[in-house]
Amino acid sequence: MDYDLLNHNEDLVAEVNEMIDMHLEENEPIITGQTFSRLVKEGYTDFQARNLIGKCMAFELTSDKGFDEKRYSFHLSHLPDVNFEW
C-alpha cells in the first residue's frame, strides 16, 4: 500500500479527519497539535498539514499491529520526511 490509500477509501478519510479534529480540539495527544503548528509554521497550508498528519493516522488505523501511539508520535515528529511501509 502507499499514500494513495487515502485517495481511495472515503470511510478511512472520514475516520482520519474526525480523529484529527478530535486530537486538535482536545489537544490529546499533544504531539498532534504540536506537529500541526510546526508544519503550518514551516509553510504548509492547514490542508497540507492535516493531510500529512492524516497519513500517519491512516498508517496506524490500517496497521496489522494495531494503533501504536508511540509509533504514531514518532512518525509525526519526523514529518514531512516519513516513508511508510504499508
PDB file of N, CA and C in Angstrom:
ATOM      1  N   MET A   1       0.842  -1.186   0.000  1.00  0.00           N
ATOM      2  CA  MET A   1       0.000   0.000   0.000  1.00  0.00           C
ATOM      3  C   MET A   1       0.880   1.240   0.000  1.00  0.00           C
ATOM      4  N   ASP A   2       0.282   2.366  -0.372  1.00  0.00           N
ATOM      5  CA  ASP A   2       1.040   3.598  -0.345  1.00  0.00           C
ATOM      6  C   ASP A   2       0.123   4.749   0.046  1.00  0.00           C
ATOM      7  N   TYR A   3       0.629   5.961  -0.106  1.00  0.00           N
ATOM      8  CA  TYR A   3      -0.121   7.141   0.291  1.00  0.00           C
ATOM      9  C   TYR A   3      -1.478   7.253  -0.403  1.00  0.00           C
ATOM     10  N   ASP A   4      -1.625   6.637  -1.569  1.00  0.00           N
ATOM     11  CA  ASP A   4      -2.876   6.734  -2.306  1.00  0.00           C
ATOM     12  C   ASP A   4      -4.042   6.081  -1.583  1.00  0.00           C
ATOM     13  N   LEU A   5      -3.768   5.318  -0.538  1.00  0.00           N
ATOM     14  CA  LEU A   5      -4.833   4.694   0.224  1.00  0.00           C
ATOM     15  C   LEU A   5      -5.878   5.723   0.642  1.00  0.00           C
ATOM     16  N   LEU A   6      -5.432   6.898   1.063  1.00  0.00           N
ATOM     17  CA  LEU A   6      -6.368   7.936   1.490  1.00  0.00           C
ATOM     18  C   LEU A   6      -7.192   8.481   0.339  1.00  0.00           C
ATOM     19  N   ASN A   7      -6.713   8.342  -0.876  1.00  0.00           N
ATOM     20  CA  ASN A   7      -7.455   8.841  -2.023  1.00  0.00           C
ATOM     21  C   ASN A   7      -8.515   7.854  -2.506  1.00  0.00           C
ATOM     22  N   HIS A   8      -8.503   6.650  -1.990  1.00  0.00           N
ATOM     23  CA  HIS A   8      -9.401   5.617  -2.497  1.00  0.00           C
ATOM     24  C   HIS A   8     -10.341   5.029  -1.453  1.00  0.00           C
ATOM     25  N   ASN A   9     -10.293   5.512  -0.241  1.00  0.00           N
ATOM     26  CA  ASN A   9     -11.113   4.942   0.815  1.00  0.00           C
ATOM     27  C   ASN A   9     -11.801   6.077   1.581  1.00  0.00           C
ATOM     28  N   GLU A  10     -13.005   6.403   1.149  1.00  0.00           N
ATOM     29  CA  GLU A  10     -13.730   7.535   1.747  1.00  0.00           C
ATOM     30  C   GLU A  10     -14.030   7.322   3.221  1.00  0.00           C
ATOM     31  N   ASP A  11     -14.317   6.083   3.620  1.00  0.00           N
ATOM     32  CA  ASP A  11     -14.591   5.806   5.029  1.00  0.00           C
ATOM     33  C   ASP A  11     -13.360   6.062   5.885  1.00  0.00           C
ATOM     34  N   LEU A  12     -12.201   5.651   5.385  1.00  0.00           N
ATOM     35  CA  LEU A  12     -10.960   5.886   6.120  1.00  0.00           C
ATOM     36  C   LEU A  12     -10.669   7.373   6.208  1.00  0.00           C
ATOM     37  N   VAL A  13     -10.882   8.097   5.132  1.00  0.00           N
ATOM     38  CA  VAL A  13     -10.662   9.544   5.133  1.00  0.00           C
ATOM     39  C   VAL A  13     -11.557  10.208   6.174  1.00  0.00           C
ATOM     40  N   ALA A  14     -12.817   9.833   6.228  1.00  0.00           N
ATOM     41  CA  ALA A  14     -13.747  10.411   7.195  1.00  0.00           C
ATOM     42  C   ALA A  14     -13.302  10.100   8.625  1.00  0.00           C
ATOM     43  N   GLU A  15     -12.891   8.860   8.872  1.00  0.00           N
ATOM     44  CA  GLU A  15     -12.443   8.479  10.207  1.00  0.00           C
ATOM     45  C   GLU A  15     -11.172   9.232  10.593  1.00  0.00           C
ATOM     46  N   VAL A  16     -10.237   9.333   9.666  1.00  0.00           N
ATOM     47  CA  VAL A  16      -8.986  10.048   9.928  1.00  0.00           C
ATOM     48  C   VAL A  16      -9.271  11.517  10.223  1.00  0.00           C
ATOM     49  N   ASN A  17     -10.087  12.164   9.406  1.00  0.00           N
ATOM     50  CA  ASN A  17     -10.402  13.580   9.628  1.00  0.00           C
ATOM     51  C   ASN A  17     -11.090  13.801  10.963  1.00  0.00           C
ATOM     52  N   GLU A  18     -11.994  12.907  11.319  1.00  0.00           N
ATOM     53  CA  GLU A  18     -12.691  13.011  12.605  1.00  0.00           C
ATOM     54  C   GLU A  18     -11.700  12.878  13.763  1.00  0.00           C
ATOM     55  N   MET A  19     -10.790  11.931  13.647  1.00  0.00           N
ATOM     56  CA  MET A  19      -9.812  11.734  14.723  1.00  0.00           C
ATOM     57  C   MET A  19      -8.847  12.916  14.826  1.00  0.00           C
ATOM     58  N   ILE A  20      -8.422  13.446  13.688  1.00  0.00           N
ATOM     59  CA  ILE A  20      -7.523  14.603  13.726  1.00  0.00           C
ATOM     60  C   ILE A  20      -8.237  15.790  14.371  1.00  0.00           C
ATOM     61  N   ASP A  21      -9.484  16.033  13.986  1.00  0.00           N
ATOM     62  CA  ASP A  21     -10.252  17.113  14.609  1.00  0.00           C
ATOM     63  C   ASP A  21     -10.322  16.928  16.122  1.00  0.00           C
ATOM     64  N   MET A  22     -10.606  15.710  16.552  1.00  0.00           N
ATOM     65  CA  MET A  22     -10.715  15.422  17.978  1.00  0.00           C
ATOM     66  C   MET A  22      -9.365  15.640  18.667  1.00  0.00           C
ATOM     67  N   HIS A  23      -8.296  15.161  18.062  1.00  0.00           N
ATOM     68  CA  HIS A  23      -6.964  15.347  18.655  1.00  0.00           C
ATOM     69  C   HIS A  23      -6.621  16.822  18.787  1.00  0.00           C
ATOM     70  N   LEU A  24      -6.937  17.600  17.764  1.00  0.00           N
ATOM     71  CA  LEU A  24      -6.617  19.031  17.810  1.00  0.00           C
ATOM     72  C   LEU A  24      -7.499  19.772  18.807  1.00  0.00           C
ATOM     73  N   GLU A  25      -8.781  19.426  18.860  1.00  0.00           N
ATOM     74  CA  GLU A  25      -9.700  20.095  19.795  1.00  0.00           C
ATOM     75  C   GLU A  25      -9.357  19.773  21.243  1.00  0.00           C
ATOM     76  N   GLU A  26      -9.045  18.513  21.512  1.00  0.00           N
ATOM     77  CA  GLU A  26      -8.774  18.083  22.883  1.00  0.00           C
ATOM     78  C   GLU A  26      -7.305  18.209  23.264  1.00  0.00           C
ATOM     79  N   ASN A  27      -6.468  18.532  22.261  1.00  0.00           N
ATOM     80  CA  ASN A  27      -5.024  18.632  22.458  1.00  0.00           C
ATOM     81  C   ASN A  27      -4.463  17.358  23.085  1.00  0.00           C
ATOM     82  N   GLU A  28      -4.982  16.236  22.610  1.00  0.00           N
ATOM     83  CA  GLU A  28      -4.570  14.926  23.114  1.00  0.00           C
ATOM     84  C   GLU A  28      -4.559  13.932  21.968  1.00  0.00           C
ATOM     85  N   PRO A  29      -3.498  13.316  21.623  1.00  0.00           N
ATOM     86  CA  PRO A  29      -2.178  13.546  22.207  1.00  0.00           C
ATOM     87  C   PRO A  29      -1.631  14.904  21.764  1.00  0.00           C
ATOM     88  N   ILE A  30      -0.891  15.497  22.631  1.00  0.00           N
ATOM     89  CA  ILE A  30      -0.393  16.852  22.409  1.00  0.00           C
ATOM     90  C   ILE A  30       0.479  16.952  21.156  1.00  0.00           C
ATOM     91  N   ILE A  31       1.151  15.877  20.797  1.00  0.00           N
ATOM     92  CA  ILE A  31       2.037  15.922  19.634  1.00  0.00           C
ATOM     93  C   ILE A  31       1.283  16.211  18.342  1.00  0.00           C
ATOM     94  N   THR A  32       0.009  15.858  18.280  1.00  0.00           N
ATOM     95  CA  THR A  32      -0.759  16.150  17.065  1.00  0.00           C
ATOM     96  C   THR A  32      -0.845  17.654  16.859  1.00  0.00           C
ATOM     97  N   GLY A  33      -1.215  18.381  17.907  1.00  0.00           N
ATOM     98  CA  GLY A  33      -1.299  19.839  17.809  1.00  0.00           C
ATOM     99  C   GLY A  33       0.055  20.479  17.588  1.00  0.00           C
ATOM    100  N   GLN A  34       1.064  19.962  18.253  1.00  0.00           N
ATOM    101  CA  GLN A  34       2.413  20.494  18.077  1.00  0.00           C
ATOM    102  C   GLN A  34       2.883  20.298  16.636  1.00  0.00           C
ATOM    103  N   THR A  35       2.601  19.132  16.100  1.00  0.00           N
ATOM    104  CA  THR A  35       3.007  18.838  14.727  1.00  0.00           C
ATOM    105  C   THR A  35       2.260  19.721  13.743  1.00  0.00           C
ATOM    106  N   PHE A  36       0.962  19.883  13.967  1.00  0.00           N
ATOM    107  CA  PHE A  36       0.160  20.744  13.102  1.00  0.00           C
ATOM    108  C   PHE A  36       0.730  22.160  13.095  1.00  0.00           C
ATOM    109  N   SER A  37       0.980  22.705  14.273  1.00  0.00           N
ATOM    110  CA  SER A  37       1.533  24.064  14.380  1.00  0.00           C
ATOM    111  C   SER A  37       2.891  24.163  13.713  1.00  0.00           C
ATOM    112  N   ARG A  38       3.738  23.172  13.923  1.00  0.00           N
ATOM    113  CA  ARG A  38       5.076  23.181  13.328  1.00  0.00           C
ATOM    114  C   ARG A  38       4.996  23.174  11.807  1.00  0.00           C
ATOM    115  N   LEU A  39       4.144  22.319  11.267  1.00  0.00           N
ATOM    116  CA  LEU A  39       4.025  22.223   9.811  1.00  0.00           C
ATOM    117  C   LEU A  39       3.507  23.528   9.204  1.00  0.00           C
ATOM    118  N   VAL A  40       2.532  24.147   9.867  1.00  0.00           N
ATOM    119  CA  VAL A  40       1.997  25.423   9.367  1.00  0.00           C
ATOM    120  C   VAL A  40       3.087  26.498   9.432  1.00  0.00           C
ATOM    121  N   LYS A  41       3.853  26.515  10.507  1.00  0.00           N
ATOM    122  CA  LYS A  41       4.956  27.478  10.615  1.00  0.00           C
ATOM    123  C   LYS A  41       6.011  27.242   9.540  1.00  0.00           C
ATOM    124  N   GLU A  42       6.154  25.992   9.113  1.00  0.00           N
ATOM    125  CA  GLU A  42       7.124  25.662   8.066  1.00  0.00           C
ATOM    126  C   GLU A  42       6.601  25.998   6.673  1.00  0.00           C
ATOM    127  N   GLY A  43       5.363  26.480   6.600  1.00  0.00           N
ATOM    128  CA  GLY A  43       4.833  26.926   5.317  1.00  0.00           C
ATOM    129  C   GLY A  43       3.766  26.049   4.691  1.00  0.00           C
ATOM    130  N   TYR A  44       3.412  24.970   5.356  1.00  0.00           N
ATOM    131  CA  TYR A  44       2.344  24.121   4.832  1.00  0.00           C
ATOM    132  C   TYR A  44       0.996  24.769   5.127  1.00  0.00           C
ATOM    133  N   THR A  45       0.044  24.585   4.229  1.00  0.00           N
ATOM    134  CA  THR A  45      -1.303  25.081   4.488  1.00  0.00           C
ATOM    135  C   THR A  45      -1.959  24.188   5.528  1.00  0.00           C
ATOM    136  N   ASP A  46      -3.081  24.645   6.079  1.00  0.00           N
ATOM    137  CA  ASP A  46      -3.832  23.816   7.023  1.00  0.00           C
ATOM    138  C   ASP A  46      -4.167  22.470   6.381  1.00  0.00           C
ATOM    139  N   PHE A  47      -4.628  22.519   5.135  1.00  0.00           N
ATOM    140  CA  PHE A  47      -4.999  21.297   4.424  1.00  0.00           C
ATOM    141  C   PHE A  47      -3.803  20.362   4.275  1.00  0.00           C
ATOM    142  N   GLN A  48      -2.657  20.907   3.888  1.00  0.00           N
ATOM    143  CA  GLN A  48      -1.460  20.081   3.702  1.00  0.00           C
ATOM    144  C   GLN A  48      -0.991  19.483   5.029  1.00  0.00           C
ATOM    145  N   ALA A  49      -1.028  20.279   6.086  1.00  0.00           N
ATOM    146  CA  ALA A  49      -0.616  19.786   7.398  1.00  0.00           C
ATOM    147  C   ALA A  49      -1.539  18.662   7.863  1.00  0.00           C
ATOM    148  N   ARG A  50      -2.838  18.849   7.699  1.00  0.00           N
ATOM    149  CA  ARG A  50      -3.797  17.799   8.067  1.00  0.00           C
ATOM    150  C   ARG A  50      -3.584  16.549   7.217  1.00  0.00           C
ATOM    151  N   ASN A  51      -3.274  16.735   5.946  1.00  0.00           N
ATOM    152  CA  ASN A  51      -3.040  15.599   5.065  1.00  0.00           C
ATOM    153  C   ASN A  51      -1.818  14.798   5.516  1.00  0.00           C
ATOM    154  N   LEU A  52      -0.745  15.490   5.863  1.00  0.00           N
ATOM    155  CA  LEU A  52       0.453  14.802   6.347  1.00  0.00           C
ATOM    156  C   LEU A  52       0.167  14.055   7.653  1.00  0.00           C
ATOM    157  N   ILE A  53      -0.506  14.713   8.577  1.00  0.00           N
ATOM    158  CA  ILE A  53      -0.874  14.065   9.838  1.00  0.00           C
ATOM    159  C   ILE A  53      -1.810  12.890   9.552  1.00  0.00           C
ATOM    160  N   GLY A  54      -2.711  13.093   8.605  1.00  0.00           N
ATOM    161  CA  GLY A  54      -3.655  12.045   8.238  1.00  0.00           C
ATOM    162  C   GLY A  54      -2.981  10.793   7.721  1.00  0.00           C
ATOM    163  N   LYS A  55      -1.870  10.948   7.034  1.00  0.00           N
ATOM    164  CA  LYS A  55      -1.137   9.782   6.551  1.00  0.00           C
ATOM    165  C   LYS A  55      -0.582   8.972   7.712  1.00  0.00           C
ATOM    166  N   CYS A  56      -0.105   9.669   8.738  1.00  0.00           N
ATOM    167  CA  CYS A  56       0.373   8.975   9.938  1.00  0.00           C
ATOM    168  C   CYS A  56      -0.789   8.253  10.623  1.00  0.00           C
ATOM    169  N   MET A  57      -1.914   8.935  10.707  1.00  0.00           N
ATOM    170  CA  MET A  57      -3.093   8.347  11.340  1.00  0.00           C
ATOM    171  C   MET A  57      -3.588   7.147  10.543  1.00  0.00           C
ATOM    172  N   ALA A  58      -3.670   7.282   9.228  1.00  0.00           N
ATOM    173  CA  ALA A  58      -4.145   6.184   8.382  1.00  0.00           C
ATOM    174  C   ALA A  58      -3.215   4.982   8.495  1.00  0.00           C
ATOM    175  N   PHE A  59      -1.921   5.237   8.572  1.00  0.00           N
ATOM    176  CA  PHE A  59      -0.973   4.147   8.738  1.00  0.00           C
ATOM    177  C   PHE A  59      -1.290   3.369  10.008  1.00  0.00           C
ATOM    178  N   GLU A  60      -1.548   4.082  11.085  1.00  0.00           N
ATOM    179  CA  GLU A  60      -1.857   3.420  12.358  1.00  0.00           C
ATOM    180  C   GLU A  60      -3.187   2.672  12.297  1.00  0.00           C
ATOM    181  N   LEU A  61      -4.178   3.288  11.698  1.00  0.00           N
ATOM    182  CA  LEU A  61      -5.503   2.667  11.647  1.00  0.00           C
ATOM    183  C   LEU A  61      -5.543   1.430  10.760  1.00  0.00           C
ATOM    184  N   THR A  62      -4.617   1.334   9.830  1.00  0.00           N
ATOM    185  CA  THR A  62      -4.605   0.189   8.919  1.00  0.00           C
ATOM    186  C   THR A  62      -3.478  -0.793   9.231  1.00  0.00           C
ATOM    187  N   SER A  63      -2.720  -0.535  10.271  1.00  0.00           N
ATOM    188  CA  SER A  63      -1.598  -1.402  10.627  1.00  0.00           C
ATOM    189  C   SER A  63      -2.095  -2.747  11.150  1.00  0.00           C
ATOM    190  N   ASP A  64      -1.452  -3.805  10.708  1.00  0.00           N
ATOM    191  CA  ASP A  64      -1.770  -5.143  11.213  1.00  0.00           C
ATOM    192  C   ASP A  64      -1.461  -5.262  12.703  1.00  0.00           C
ATOM    193  N   LYS A  65      -0.599  -4.400  13.180  1.00  0.00           N
ATOM    194  CA  LYS A  65      -0.192  -4.437  14.590  1.00  0.00           C
ATOM    195  C   LYS A  65      -1.094  -3.583  15.477  1.00  0.00           C
ATOM    196  N   GLY A  66      -2.071  -2.893  14.893  1.00  0.00           N
ATOM    197  CA  GLY A  66      -2.954  -2.027  15.660  1.00  0.00           C
ATOM    198  C   GLY A  66      -2.340  -0.655  15.874  1.00  0.00           C
ATOM    199  N   PHE A  67      -3.142   0.244  16.405  1.00  0.00           N
ATOM    200  CA  PHE A  67      -2.705   1.616  16.640  1.00  0.00           C
ATOM    201  C   PHE A  67      -1.655   1.633  17.743  1.00  0.00           C
ATOM    202  N   ASP A  68      -0.536   2.230  17.456  1.00  0.00           N
ATOM    203  CA  ASP A  68       0.555   2.332  18.417  1.00  0.00           C
ATOM    204  C   ASP A  68       0.870   3.811  18.587  1.00  0.00           C
ATOM    205  N   GLU A  69       0.495   4.378  19.731  1.00  0.00           N
ATOM    206  CA  GLU A  69       0.666   5.817  19.933  1.00  0.00           C
ATOM    207  C   GLU A  69       2.136   6.239  19.905  1.00  0.00           C
ATOM    208  N   LYS A  70       3.016   5.374  20.376  1.00  0.00           N
ATOM    209  CA  LYS A  70       4.446   5.701  20.346  1.00  0.00           C
ATOM    210  C   LYS A  70       4.939   5.796  18.901  1.00  0.00           C
ATOM    211  N   ARG A  71       4.541   4.855  18.056  1.00  0.00           N
ATOM    212  CA  ARG A  71       4.932   4.880  16.647  1.00  0.00           C
ATOM    213  C   ARG A  71       4.288   6.070  15.942  1.00  0.00           C
ATOM    214  N   TYR A  72       3.015   6.342  16.261  1.00  0.00           N
ATOM    215  CA  TYR A  72       2.309   7.499  15.701  1.00  0.00           C
ATOM    216  C   TYR A  72       3.066   8.781  16.036  1.00  0.00           C
ATOM    217  N   SER A  73       3.463   8.937  17.285  1.00  0.00           N
ATOM    218  CA  SER A  73       4.204  10.122  17.719  1.00  0.00           C
ATOM    219  C   SER A  73       5.547  10.219  17.011  1.00  0.00           C
ATOM    220  N   PHE A  74       6.219   9.089  16.855  1.00  0.00           N
ATOM    221  CA  PHE A  74       7.498   9.059  16.149  1.00  0.00           C
ATOM    222  C   PHE A  74       7.321   9.554  14.720  1.00  0.00           C
ATOM    223  N   HIS A  75       6.315   9.025  14.030  1.00  0.00           N
ATOM    224  CA  HIS A  75       6.074   9.440  12.648  1.00  0.00           C
ATOM    225  C   HIS A  75       5.734  10.929  12.571  1.00  0.00           C
ATOM    226  N   LEU A  76       4.885  11.400  13.481  1.00  0.00           N
ATOM    227  CA  LEU A  76       4.536  12.826  13.477  1.00  0.00           C
ATOM    228  C   LEU A  76       5.777  13.696  13.664  1.00  0.00           C
ATOM    229  N   SER A  77       6.643  13.286  14.552  1.00  0.00           N
ATOM    230  CA  SER A  77       7.823  14.105  14.849  1.00  0.00           C
ATOM    231  C   SER A  77       8.795  14.155  13.672  1.00  0.00           C
ATOM    232  N   HIS A  78       8.652  13.242  12.725  1.00  0.00           N
ATOM    233  CA  HIS A  78       9.544  13.215  11.567  1.00  0.00           C
ATOM    234  C   HIS A  78       8.894  13.719  10.281  1.00  0.00           C
ATOM    235  N   LEU A  79       7.670  14.215  10.384  1.00  0.00           N
ATOM    236  CA  LEU A  79       7.024  14.782   9.197  1.00  0.00           C
ATOM    237  C   LEU A  79       7.754  16.042   8.753  1.00  0.00           C
ATOM    238  N   PRO A  80       7.862  16.315   7.492  1.00  0.00           N
ATOM    239  CA  PRO A  80       7.227  15.631   6.370  1.00  0.00           C
ATOM    240  C   PRO A  80       8.042  14.482   5.788  1.00  0.00           C
ATOM    241  N   ASP A  81       9.155  14.138   6.419  1.00  0.00           N
ATOM    242  CA  ASP A  81      10.078  13.148   5.858  1.00  0.00           C
ATOM    243  C   ASP A  81       9.838  11.754   6.416  1.00  0.00           C
ATOM    244  N   VAL A  82       8.630  11.235   6.230  1.00  0.00           N
ATOM    245  CA  VAL A  82       8.304   9.897   6.705  1.00  0.00           C
ATOM    246  C   VAL A  82       7.984   9.031   5.500  1.00  0.00           C
ATOM    247  N   ASN A  83       8.630   7.891   5.452  1.00  0.00           N
ATOM    248  CA  ASN A  83       8.333   6.904   4.415  1.00  0.00           C
ATOM    249  C   ASN A  83       7.676   5.714   5.087  1.00  0.00           C
ATOM    250  N   PHE A  84       6.442   5.465   4.699  1.00  0.00           N
ATOM    251  CA  PHE A  84       5.696   4.368   5.291  1.00  0.00           C
ATOM    252  C   PHE A  84       5.889   3.094   4.490  1.00  0.00           C
ATOM    253  N   GLU A  85       5.959   1.982   5.190  1.00  0.00           N
ATOM    254  CA  GLU A  85       5.999   0.676   4.547  1.00  0.00           C
ATOM    255  C   GLU A  85       4.657   0.036   4.845  1.00  0.00           C
ATOM    256  N   TRP A  86       3.694   0.232   3.973  1.00  0.00           N
ATOM    257  CA  TRP A  86       2.323  -0.247   4.200  1.00  0.00           C
ATOM    258  C   TRP A  86       2.232  -1.692   3.840  1.00  0.00           C
TER     259      TRP A  86
END
